[in-house]
Amino acid sequence: MKIFQPLLKLLFLTFSLFNFFTFCYPQDFSGELAEIKGTVEILKEGETEWVSVVSGMPVQLKDRLKTGNNSSCDMELDDGSIIYIGENTEASVEMLELTADKHSSKISLWFGKILANISKSKNTKMEVHSPTAIVAVRGTEFVVESKGEETDVGVFDGEVGVKNTEGETIEEVTVKPDEETSVRKGVRPRPPSRLILMQKNKERNLRIRNRVAQLRERLKRVPPEKRAKARQLAYEKFQKLREKRIEQIKKNQQKRRAIKRETIKRERQNRNRR
């Protein structure tokens, strides 16, 4: 029996690790967060508290990201694509399916700005949804900025299709390189014109293009299992921050309840003295 005990322990450990990776790293992990600057927080699906992100942590379906003033981050995807999330932006990952020859993704841009450099292939399909527009991408470099009742779209390379969110009856317009358009809710997108408003993002796009080249070289050098291990460590660090954040919230709630009880007690004492 003693001979089998080490073997049983090894089998149990292997099974536990398998369950851990199955839980923490399902198929919808297809990239990681990088180039984090300033205040960048994430809201995981089913949770109510925003937590600071950790560089290198994996991107997961339904993750909702929020940046503050002078803050930004990159979503670096395993097909060599980068989605830059600018300051004062909130965006969520609605779909993300990446394989060696396929890119399918959908990003909801609630407000703010994203710039993207998406890997080009015949099976590339990406959509960006804002409150007023749907931007359909087939592998390109572009920017989308959502502000109130209007969405601005600019293209630096490739082309995108843009239509209103009420697009069943409104025609789609095609925006080509060095062109831009704007979309207001319920109104057909403005005819594409030369980049003017979105020209300010061109320098940022060039920097992203350089980072894409570096990312693709790194993806060649670093095998998937090593990337998964690094993301595991980053995710564990994030979980610790999350637990610490939740514990702090609980302490603050207890403190507020104690202050409220003490306030009520003093008010009663004052009334009794009268």
C-alpha atoms as a PDB file:
ATOM      1  CA  MET A   1       0.000   0.000   0.000  1.00  0.00           C
ATOM      2  CA  LYS A   2       2.880   2.338   0.870  1.00  0.00           C
ATOM      3  CA  ILE A   3       4.287   1.810  -2.639  1.00  0.00           C
ATOM      4  CA  PHE A   4       1.101   3.168  -4.214  1.00  0.00           C
ATOM      5  CA  GLN A   5       0.774   6.224  -1.948  1.00  0.00           C
ATOM      6  CA  PRO A   6       3.318   8.401  -3.839  1.00  0.00           C
ATOM      7  CA  LEU A   7       1.687   7.391  -7.128  1.00  0.00           C
ATOM      8  CA  LEU A   8      -1.762   8.291  -5.817  1.00  0.00           C
ATOM      9  CA  LYS A   9      -0.476  11.661  -4.625  1.00  0.00           C
ATOM     10  CA  LEU A  10       1.062  12.316  -8.046  1.00  0.00           C
ATOM     11  CA  LEU A  11      -2.190  11.411  -9.802  1.00  0.00           C
ATOM     12  CA  PHE A  12      -4.160  13.651  -7.443  1.00  0.00           C
ATOM     13  CA  LEU A  13      -1.764  16.560  -8.059  1.00  0.00           C
ATOM     14  CA  THR A  14      -1.974  16.067 -11.826  1.00  0.00           C
ATOM     15  CA  PHE A  15      -5.772  15.982 -11.687  1.00  0.00           C
ATOM     16  CA  SER A  16      -5.859  19.129  -9.523  1.00  0.00           C
ATOM     17  CA  LEU A  17      -3.562  21.011 -11.892  1.00  0.00           C
ATOM     18  CA  PHE A  18      -5.701  19.929 -14.842  1.00  0.00           C
ATOM     19  CA  ASN A  19      -8.807  21.267 -13.126  1.00  0.00           C
ATOM     20  CA  PHE A  20      -7.004  24.503 -12.259  1.00  0.00           C
ATOM     21  CA  PHE A  21      -5.968  25.162 -15.840  1.00  0.00           C
ATOM     22  CA  THR A  22      -9.392  24.150 -17.143  1.00  0.00           C
ATOM     23  CA  PHE A  23     -11.020  26.655 -14.806  1.00  0.00           C
ATOM     24  CA  CYS A  24      -8.572  29.527 -15.198  1.00  0.00           C
ATOM     25  CA  TYR A  25      -7.561  29.110 -18.821  1.00  0.00           C
ATOM     26  CA  PRO A  26     -10.477  28.039 -21.005  1.00  0.00           C
ATOM     27  CA  GLN A  27     -10.467  28.453 -24.779  1.00  0.00           C
ATOM     28  CA  ASP A  28     -11.555  32.083 -24.581  1.00  0.00           C
ATOM     29  CA  PHE A  29      -8.136  33.160 -23.266  1.00  0.00           C
ATOM     30  CA  SER A  30      -6.472  34.366 -26.463  1.00  0.00           C
ATOM     31  CA  GLY A  31      -4.263  37.239 -25.407  1.00  0.00           C
ATOM     32  CA  GLU A  32      -3.105  39.419 -22.555  1.00  0.00           C
ATOM     33  CA  LEU A  33      -3.064  42.980 -21.242  1.00  0.00           C
ATOM     34  CA  ALA A  34       0.132  44.978 -21.697  1.00  0.00           C
ATOM     35  CA  GLU A  35       1.544  48.521 -21.875  1.00  0.00           C
ATOM     36  CA  ILE A  36      -0.524  49.491 -18.839  1.00  0.00           C
ATOM     37  CA  LYS A  37      -0.283  53.175 -17.960  1.00  0.00           C
ATOM     38  CA  GLY A  38      -2.094  55.063 -15.227  1.00  0.00           C
ATOM     39  CA  THR A  39      -5.378  53.805 -13.801  1.00  0.00           C
ATOM     40  CA  VAL A  40      -6.720  50.765 -15.654  1.00  0.00           C
ATOM     41  CA  GLU A  41      -9.390  48.611 -14.018  1.00  0.00           C
ATOM     42  CA  ILE A  42     -11.299  45.494 -14.983  1.00  0.00           C
ATOM     43  CA  LEU A  43     -14.754  44.203 -14.126  1.00  0.00           C
ATOM     44  CA  LYS A  44     -15.030  40.427 -14.455  1.00  0.00           C
ATOM     45  CA  GLU A  45     -18.296  38.856 -15.563  1.00  0.00           C
ATOM     46  CA  GLY A  46     -20.757  38.385 -12.716  1.00  0.00           C
ATOM     47  CA  GLU A  47     -18.878  40.689 -10.339  1.00  0.00           C
ATOM     48  CA  THR A  48     -19.666  44.180  -9.067  1.00  0.00           C
ATOM     49  CA  GLU A  49     -16.269  45.548  -8.051  1.00  0.00           C
ATOM     50  CA  TRP A  50     -13.667  47.045 -10.383  1.00  0.00           C
ATOM     51  CA  VAL A  51     -10.107  45.854  -9.720  1.00  0.00           C
ATOM     52  CA  SER A  52      -6.782  47.179 -11.011  1.00  0.00           C
ATOM     53  CA  VAL A  53      -5.402  45.087 -13.865  1.00  0.00           C
ATOM     54  CA  VAL A  54      -2.051  43.298 -13.803  1.00  0.00           C
ATOM     55  CA  SER A  55       0.347  43.425 -16.740  1.00  0.00           C
ATOM     56  CA  GLY A  56       0.377  40.097 -18.567  1.00  0.00           C
ATOM     57  CA  MET A  57      -2.963  38.872 -17.218  1.00  0.00           C
ATOM     58  CA  PRO A  58      -5.061  37.016 -19.808  1.00  0.00           C
ATOM     59  CA  VAL A  59      -7.943  38.509 -21.754  1.00  0.00           C
ATOM     60  CA  GLN A  60     -11.230  36.684 -21.151  1.00  0.00           C
ATOM     61  CA  LEU A  61     -14.694  36.876 -22.649  1.00  0.00           C
ATOM     62  CA  LYS A  62     -16.962  39.474 -21.011  1.00  0.00           C
ATOM     63  CA  ASP A  63     -14.026  41.302 -19.443  1.00  0.00           C
ATOM     64  CA  ARG A  64     -14.917  44.985 -19.127  1.00  0.00           C
ATOM     65  CA  LEU A  65     -12.015  47.448 -19.085  1.00  0.00           C
ATOM     66  CA  LYS A  66     -12.018  51.037 -17.860  1.00  0.00           C
ATOM     67  CA  THR A  67      -9.259  53.650 -18.075  1.00  0.00           C
ATOM     68  CA  GLY A  68      -8.910  56.967 -16.262  1.00  0.00           C
ATOM     69  CA  ASN A  69      -7.293  60.283 -17.186  1.00  0.00           C
ATOM     70  CA  ASN A  70      -3.905  59.904 -18.899  1.00  0.00           C
ATOM     71  CA  SER A  71      -4.339  56.129 -18.733  1.00  0.00           C
ATOM     72  CA  SER A  72      -4.289  53.392 -21.370  1.00  0.00           C
ATOM     73  CA  CYS A  73      -3.503  49.747 -22.079  1.00  0.00           C
ATOM     74  CA  ASP A  74      -3.057  47.284 -24.931  1.00  0.00           C
ATOM     75  CA  MET A  75      -4.838  44.022 -25.592  1.00  0.00           C
ATOM     76  CA  GLU A  76      -2.116  41.910 -27.231  1.00  0.00           C
ATOM     77  CA  LEU A  77      -3.707  38.979 -29.053  1.00  0.00           C
ATOM     78  CA  ASP A  78      -2.114  35.678 -29.988  1.00  0.00           C
ATOM     79  CA  ASP A  79      -2.534  36.252 -33.731  1.00  0.00           C
ATOM     80  CA  GLY A  80      -0.320  39.343 -33.565  1.00  0.00           C
ATOM     81  CA  SER A  81      -3.138  41.893 -33.320  1.00  0.00           C
ATOM     82  CA  ILE A  82      -3.174  44.804 -30.874  1.00  0.00           C
ATOM     83  CA  ILE A  83      -6.182  46.745 -29.606  1.00  0.00           C
ATOM     84  CA  TYR A  84      -5.166  49.960 -27.844  1.00  0.00           C
ATOM     85  CA  ILE A  85      -7.611  51.315 -25.261  1.00  0.00           C
ATOM     86  CA  GLY A  86      -7.193  55.056 -24.783  1.00  0.00           C
ATOM     87  CA  GLU A  87      -7.820  57.285 -21.790  1.00  0.00           C
ATOM     88  CA  ASN A  88     -11.280  57.746 -20.275  1.00  0.00           C
ATOM     89  CA  THR A  89     -12.562  54.693 -22.109  1.00  0.00           C
ATOM     90  CA  GLU A  90     -14.798  51.780 -21.216  1.00  0.00           C
ATOM     91  CA  ALA A  91     -14.895  48.717 -23.464  1.00  0.00           C
ATOM     92  CA  SER A  92     -15.767  45.038 -23.139  1.00  0.00           C
ATOM     93  CA  VAL A  93     -14.809  41.825 -24.920  1.00  0.00           C
ATOM     94  CA  GLU A  94     -17.986  40.247 -26.301  1.00  0.00           C
ATOM     95  CA  MET A  95     -16.362  37.625 -28.542  1.00  0.00           C
ATOM     96  CA  LEU A  96     -12.794  36.466 -29.126  1.00  0.00           C
ATOM     97  CA  GLU A  97     -11.956  33.378 -31.168  1.00  0.00           C
ATOM     98  CA  LEU A  98      -8.415  33.028 -32.488  1.00  0.00           C
ATOM     99  CA  THR A  99      -6.767  30.161 -34.335  1.00  0.00           C
ATOM    100  CA  ALA A 100      -3.773  29.890 -36.651  1.00  0.00           C
ATOM    101  CA  ASP A 101      -5.859  31.036 -39.625  1.00  0.00           C
ATOM    102  CA  LYS A 102      -8.890  32.758 -38.093  1.00  0.00           C
ATOM    103  CA  HIS A 103      -9.683  35.931 -36.155  1.00  0.00           C
ATOM    104  CA  SER A 104     -13.239  36.506 -34.927  1.00  0.00           C
ATOM    105  CA  SER A 105     -13.849  39.195 -32.343  1.00  0.00           C
ATOM    106  CA  LYS A 106     -16.411  41.690 -31.143  1.00  0.00           C
ATOM    107  CA  ILE A 107     -15.668  44.667 -28.916  1.00  0.00           C
ATOM    108  CA  SER A 108     -18.277  46.897 -27.298  1.00  0.00           C
ATOM    109  CA  LEU A 109     -17.001  50.464 -26.983  1.00  0.00           C
ATOM    110  CA  TRP A 110     -19.294  52.092 -24.430  1.00  0.00           C
ATOM    111  CA  PHE A 111     -17.434  55.387 -24.526  1.00  0.00           C
ATOM    112  CA  GLY A 112     -13.929  56.634 -25.255  1.00  0.00           C
ATOM    113  CA  LYS A 113     -11.464  55.541 -27.908  1.00  0.00           C
ATOM    114  CA  ILE A 114      -9.763  52.424 -29.259  1.00  0.00           C
ATOM    115  CA  LEU A 115      -7.125  52.043 -31.967  1.00  0.00           C
ATOM    116  CA  ALA A 116      -6.621  48.628 -33.499  1.00  0.00           C
ATOM    117  CA  ASN A 117      -4.111  46.893 -35.724  1.00  0.00           C
ATOM    118  CA  ILE A 118      -5.799  43.624 -36.665  1.00  0.00           C
ATOM    119  CA  SER A 119      -4.043  40.691 -38.307  1.00  0.00           C
ATOM    120  CA  LYS A 120      -5.025  40.333 -41.950  1.00  0.00           C
ATOM    121  CA  SER A 121      -6.246  37.024 -43.358  1.00  0.00           C
ATOM    122  CA  LYS A 122      -9.164  35.820 -45.433  1.00  0.00           C
ATOM    123  CA  ASN A 123     -10.825  34.582 -42.225  1.00  0.00           C
ATOM    124  CA  THR A 124     -10.489  37.819 -40.256  1.00  0.00           C
ATOM    125  CA  LYS A 125     -13.749  39.216 -38.939  1.00  0.00           C
ATOM    126  CA  MET A 126     -14.006  41.858 -36.254  1.00  0.00           C
ATOM    127  CA  GLU A 127     -16.773  44.186 -35.149  1.00  0.00           C
ATOM    128  CA  VAL A 128     -16.688  47.215 -32.881  1.00  0.00           C
ATOM    129  CA  HIS A 129     -20.080  48.218 -31.475  1.00  0.00           C
ATOM    130  CA  SER A 130     -20.640  51.673 -30.005  1.00  0.00           C
ATOM    131  CA  PRO A 131     -23.973  53.158 -28.864  1.00  0.00           C
ATOM    132  CA  THR A 132     -24.446  54.678 -32.341  1.00  0.00           C
ATOM    133  CA  ALA A 133     -22.367  52.624 -34.804  1.00  0.00           C
ATOM    134  CA  ILE A 134     -21.265  49.167 -35.905  1.00  0.00           C
ATOM    135  CA  VAL A 135     -17.796  48.994 -37.453  1.00  0.00           C
ATOM    136  CA  ALA A 136     -17.045  45.838 -39.474  1.00  0.00           C
ATOM    137  CA  VAL A 137     -13.353  45.053 -39.970  1.00  0.00           C
ATOM    138  CA  ARG A 138     -11.535  42.606 -42.225  1.00  0.00           C
ATOM    139  CA  GLY A 139      -8.000  43.147 -40.980  1.00  0.00           C
ATOM    140  CA  THR A 140      -6.845  46.735 -40.912  1.00  0.00           C
ATOM    141  CA  GLU A 141      -5.550  49.689 -38.894  1.00  0.00           C
ATOM    142  CA  PHE A 142      -8.273  51.992 -37.617  1.00  0.00           C
ATOM    143  CA  VAL A 143      -9.573  54.153 -34.774  1.00  0.00           C
ATOM    144  CA  VAL A 144     -13.058  54.410 -33.259  1.00  0.00           C
ATOM    145  CA  GLU A 145     -14.057  57.156 -30.834  1.00  0.00           C
ATOM    146  CA  SER A 146     -17.447  57.171 -29.114  1.00  0.00           C
ATOM    147  CA  LYS A 147     -18.676  60.355 -27.463  1.00  0.00           C
ATOM    148  CA  GLY A 148     -22.278  60.798 -26.436  1.00  0.00           C
ATOM    149  CA  GLU A 149     -24.597  60.582 -29.419  1.00  0.00           C
ATOM    150  CA  GLU A 150     -21.829  60.399 -32.032  1.00  0.00           C
ATOM    151  CA  THR A 151     -19.137  57.937 -33.127  1.00  0.00           C
ATOM    152  CA  ASP A 152     -16.098  58.881 -35.231  1.00  0.00           C
ATOM    153  CA  VAL A 153     -14.224  56.299 -37.318  1.00  0.00           C
ATOM    154  CA  GLY A 154     -10.883  56.744 -39.094  1.00  0.00           C
ATOM    155  CA  VAL A 155      -8.911  54.261 -41.214  1.00  0.00           C
ATOM    156  CA  PHE A 156      -5.126  54.217 -41.674  1.00  0.00           C
ATOM    157  CA  ASP A 157      -4.781  50.978 -43.644  1.00  0.00           C
ATOM    158  CA  GLY A 158      -7.262  48.509 -45.165  1.00  0.00           C
ATOM    159  CA  GLU A 159     -10.934  49.367 -45.018  1.00  0.00           C
ATOM    160  CA  VAL A 160     -13.945  49.087 -42.724  1.00  0.00           C
ATOM    161  CA  GLY A 161     -17.700  49.082 -43.173  1.00  0.00           C
ATOM    162  CA  VAL A 162     -19.632  51.492 -40.962  1.00  0.00           C
ATOM    163  CA  LYS A 163     -23.358  51.613 -40.311  1.00  0.00           C
ATOM    164  CA  ASN A 164     -25.746  52.889 -37.688  1.00  0.00           C
ATOM    165  CA  THR A 165     -26.771  50.587 -34.854  1.00  0.00           C
ATOM    166  CA  GLU A 166     -30.220  50.653 -36.435  1.00  0.00           C
ATOM    167  CA  GLY A 167     -28.580  49.204 -39.518  1.00  0.00           C
ATOM    168  CA  GLU A 168     -31.429  47.066 -40.802  1.00  0.00           C
ATOM    169  CA  THR A 169     -32.722  49.992 -42.831  1.00  0.00           C
ATOM    170  CA  ILE A 170     -29.668  52.251 -43.035  1.00  0.00           C
ATOM    171  CA  GLU A 171     -27.014  51.784 -45.691  1.00  0.00           C
ATOM    172  CA  GLU A 172     -23.439  50.866 -44.769  1.00  0.00           C
ATOM    173  CA  VAL A 173     -20.573  53.066 -45.961  1.00  0.00           C
ATOM    174  CA  THR A 174     -17.052  51.817 -46.726  1.00  0.00           C
ATOM    175  CA  VAL A 175     -14.181  53.808 -45.247  1.00  0.00           C
ATOM    176  CA  LYS A 176     -10.820  53.410 -46.999  1.00  0.00           C
ATOM    177  CA  PRO A 177      -7.233  54.370 -46.032  1.00  0.00           C
ATOM    178  CA  ASP A 178      -6.786  57.979 -44.885  1.00  0.00           C
ATOM    179  CA  GLU A 179     -10.546  58.477 -44.693  1.00  0.00           C
ATOM    180  CA  GLU A 180     -12.966  59.075 -41.840  1.00  0.00           C
ATOM    181  CA  THR A 181     -16.681  59.181 -41.141  1.00  0.00           C
ATOM    182  CA  SER A 182     -19.033  60.074 -38.285  1.00  0.00           C
ATOM    183  CA  VAL A 183     -22.263  58.407 -37.186  1.00  0.00           C
ATOM    184  CA  ARG A 184     -25.089  59.894 -35.163  1.00  0.00           C
ATOM    185  CA  LYS A 185     -27.837  57.706 -33.732  1.00  0.00           C
ATOM    186  CA  GLY A 186     -30.609  57.044 -36.233  1.00  0.00           C
ATOM    187  CA  VAL A 187     -28.782  58.846 -39.056  1.00  0.00           C
ATOM    188  CA  ARG A 188     -26.891  57.400 -42.032  1.00  0.00           C
ATOM    189  CA  PRO A 189     -23.083  57.626 -41.605  1.00  0.00           C
ATOM    190  CA  ARG A 190     -21.566  60.751 -43.084  1.00  0.00           C
ATOM    191  CA  PRO A 191     -19.967  60.102 -46.515  1.00  0.00           C
ATOM    192  CA  PRO A 192     -16.275  59.230 -46.021  1.00  0.00           C
ATOM    193  CA  SER A 193     -13.887  62.140 -46.407  1.00  0.00           C
ATOM    194  CA  ARG A 194     -10.174  62.850 -46.018  1.00  0.00           C
ATOM    195  CA  LEU A 195      -8.738  62.344 -42.522  1.00  0.00           C
ATOM    196  CA  ILE A 196      -9.003  65.584 -40.564  1.00  0.00           C
ATOM    197  CA  LEU A 197     -10.630  64.987 -37.186  1.00  0.00           C
ATOM    198  CA  MET A 198      -8.930  61.593 -36.714  1.00  0.00           C
ATOM    199  CA  GLN A 199      -5.575  62.749 -38.101  1.00  0.00           C
ATOM    200  CA  LYS A 200      -4.467  63.359 -34.502  1.00  0.00           C
ATOM    201  CA  ASN A 201      -4.349  59.563 -34.002  1.00  0.00           C
ATOM    202  CA  LYS A 202      -1.923  58.879 -36.842  1.00  0.00           C
ATOM    203  CA  GLU A 203       1.214  59.128 -34.705  1.00  0.00           C
ATOM    204  CA  ARG A 204      -0.310  56.781 -32.133  1.00  0.00           C
ATOM    205  CA  ASN A 205      -1.155  54.357 -34.938  1.00  0.00           C
ATOM    206  CA  LEU A 206       2.492  54.334 -36.084  1.00  0.00           C
ATOM    207  CA  ARG A 207       3.612  53.463 -32.547  1.00  0.00           C
ATOM    208  CA  ILE A 208       1.068  50.652 -32.408  1.00  0.00           C
ATOM    209  CA  ARG A 209       2.312  49.400 -35.781  1.00  0.00           C
ATOM    210  CA  ASN A 210       5.833  49.170 -34.345  1.00  0.00           C
ATOM    211  CA  ARG A 211       4.563  47.317 -31.281  1.00  0.00           C
ATOM    212  CA  VAL A 212       2.677  44.889 -33.528  1.00  0.00           C
ATOM    213  CA  ALA A 213       5.944  44.055 -35.314  1.00  0.00           C
ATOM    214  CA  GLN A 214       7.628  43.445 -31.945  1.00  0.00           C
ATOM    215  CA  LEU A 215       4.689  41.347 -30.724  1.00  0.00           C
ATOM    216  CA  ARG A 216       4.763  39.111 -33.793  1.00  0.00           C
ATOM    217  CA  GLU A 217       8.492  38.512 -33.368  1.00  0.00           C
ATOM    218  CA  ARG A 218       7.937  37.652 -29.703  1.00  0.00           C
ATOM    219  CA  LEU A 219       5.128  35.234 -30.577  1.00  0.00           C
ATOM    220  CA  LYS A 220       7.560  33.377 -32.824  1.00  0.00           C
ATOM    221  CA  ARG A 221      10.152  33.090 -30.060  1.00  0.00           C
ATOM    222  CA  VAL A 222       7.936  32.311 -27.064  1.00  0.00           C
ATOM    223  CA  PRO A 223       6.024  28.995 -27.269  1.00  0.00           C
ATOM    224  CA  PRO A 224       2.317  28.914 -26.276  1.00  0.00           C
ATOM    225  CA  GLU A 225       2.945  26.898 -23.112  1.00  0.00           C
ATOM    226  CA  LYS A 226       5.431  29.490 -21.851  1.00  0.00           C
ATOM    227  CA  ARG A 227       2.975  32.308 -22.563  1.00  0.00           C
ATOM    228  CA  ALA A 228       0.262  30.370 -20.711  1.00  0.00           C
ATOM    229  CA  LYS A 229       2.538  29.953 -17.695  1.00  0.00           C
ATOM    230  CA  ALA A 230       3.334  33.677 -17.601  1.00  0.00           C
ATOM    231  CA  ARG A 231      -0.373  34.492 -17.829  1.00  0.00           C
ATOM    232  CA  GLN A 232      -1.062  32.044 -15.021  1.00  0.00           C
ATOM    233  CA  LEU A 233       1.334  33.896 -12.735  1.00  0.00           C
ATOM    234  CA  ALA A 234      -0.139  37.273 -13.713  1.00  0.00           C
ATOM    235  CA  TYR A 235      -3.672  35.976 -13.134  1.00  0.00           C
ATOM    236  CA  GLU A 236      -2.719  34.665  -9.688  1.00  0.00           C
ATOM    237  CA  LYS A 237      -1.341  38.105  -8.826  1.00  0.00           C
ATOM    238  CA  PHE A 238      -4.589  39.677 -10.047  1.00  0.00           C
ATOM    239  CA  GLN A 239      -6.632  37.271  -7.902  1.00  0.00           C
ATOM    240  CA  LYS A 240      -4.669  38.316  -4.828  1.00  0.00           C
ATOM    241  CA  LEU A 241      -5.313  41.981  -5.614  1.00  0.00           C
ATOM    242  CA  ARG A 242      -8.985  41.183  -6.138  1.00  0.00           C
ATOM    243  CA  GLU A 243      -9.232  39.385  -2.784  1.00  0.00           C
ATOM    244  CA  LYS A 244      -7.456  42.271  -1.068  1.00  0.00           C
ATOM    245  CA  ARG A 245      -9.825  44.751  -2.725  1.00  0.00           C
ATOM    246  CA  ILE A 246     -12.912  42.781  -1.642  1.00  0.00           C
ATOM    247  CA  GLU A 247     -11.575  42.488   1.906  1.00  0.00           C
ATOM    248  CA  GLN A 248     -10.962  46.241   2.032  1.00  0.00           C
ATOM    249  CA  ILE A 249     -14.502  46.906   0.792  1.00  0.00           C
ATOM    250  CA  LYS A 250     -15.902  44.656   3.524  1.00  0.00           C
ATOM    251  CA  LYS A 251     -13.869  46.492   6.169  1.00  0.00           C
ATOM    252  CA  ASN A 252     -15.068  49.856   4.873  1.00  0.00           C
ATOM    253  CA  GLN A 253     -18.673  48.650   4.933  1.00  0.00           C
ATOM    254  CA  GLN A 254     -18.278  47.407   8.506  1.00  0.00           C
ATOM    255  CA  LYS A 255     -16.708  50.721   9.489  1.00  0.00           C
ATOM    256  CA  ARG A 256     -19.557  52.702   7.905  1.00  0.00           C
ATOM    257  CA  ARG A 257     -22.141  50.511   9.650  1.00  0.00           C
ATOM    258  CA  ALA A 258     -20.367  51.025  12.980  1.00  0.00           C
ATOM    259  CA  ILE A 259     -20.299  54.810  12.446  1.00  0.00           C
ATOM    260  CA  LYS A 260     -23.982  54.775  11.526  1.00  0.00           C
ATOM    261  CA  ARG A 261     -24.863  52.775  14.644  1.00  0.00           C
ATOM    262  CA  GLU A 262     -22.859  55.175  16.812  1.00  0.00           C
ATOM    263  CA  THR A 263     -24.544  58.183  15.178  1.00  0.00           C
ATOM    264  CA  ILE A 264     -28.015  56.719  15.790  1.00  0.00           C
ATOM    265  CA  LYS A 265     -27.065  55.940  19.395  1.00  0.00           C
ATOM    266  CA  ARG A 266     -25.919  59.521  20.035  1.00  0.00           C
ATOM    267  CA  GLU A 267     -29.061  60.965  18.446  1.00  0.00           C
ATOM    268  CA  ARG A 268     -31.220  58.823  20.731  1.00  0.00           C
ATOM    269  CA  GLN A 269     -29.197  59.894  23.771  1.00  0.00           C
ATOM    270  CA  ASN A 270     -29.601  63.556  22.814  1.00  0.00           C
ATOM    271  CA  ARG A 271     -33.357  63.137  22.395  1.00  0.00           C
ATOM    272  CA  ASN A 272     -33.632  61.437  25.800  1.00  0.00           C
ATOM    273  CA  ARG A 273     -31.776  64.308  27.483  1.00  0.00           C
ATOM    274  CA  ARG A 274     -34.318  66.757  26.144  1.00  0.00           C
END
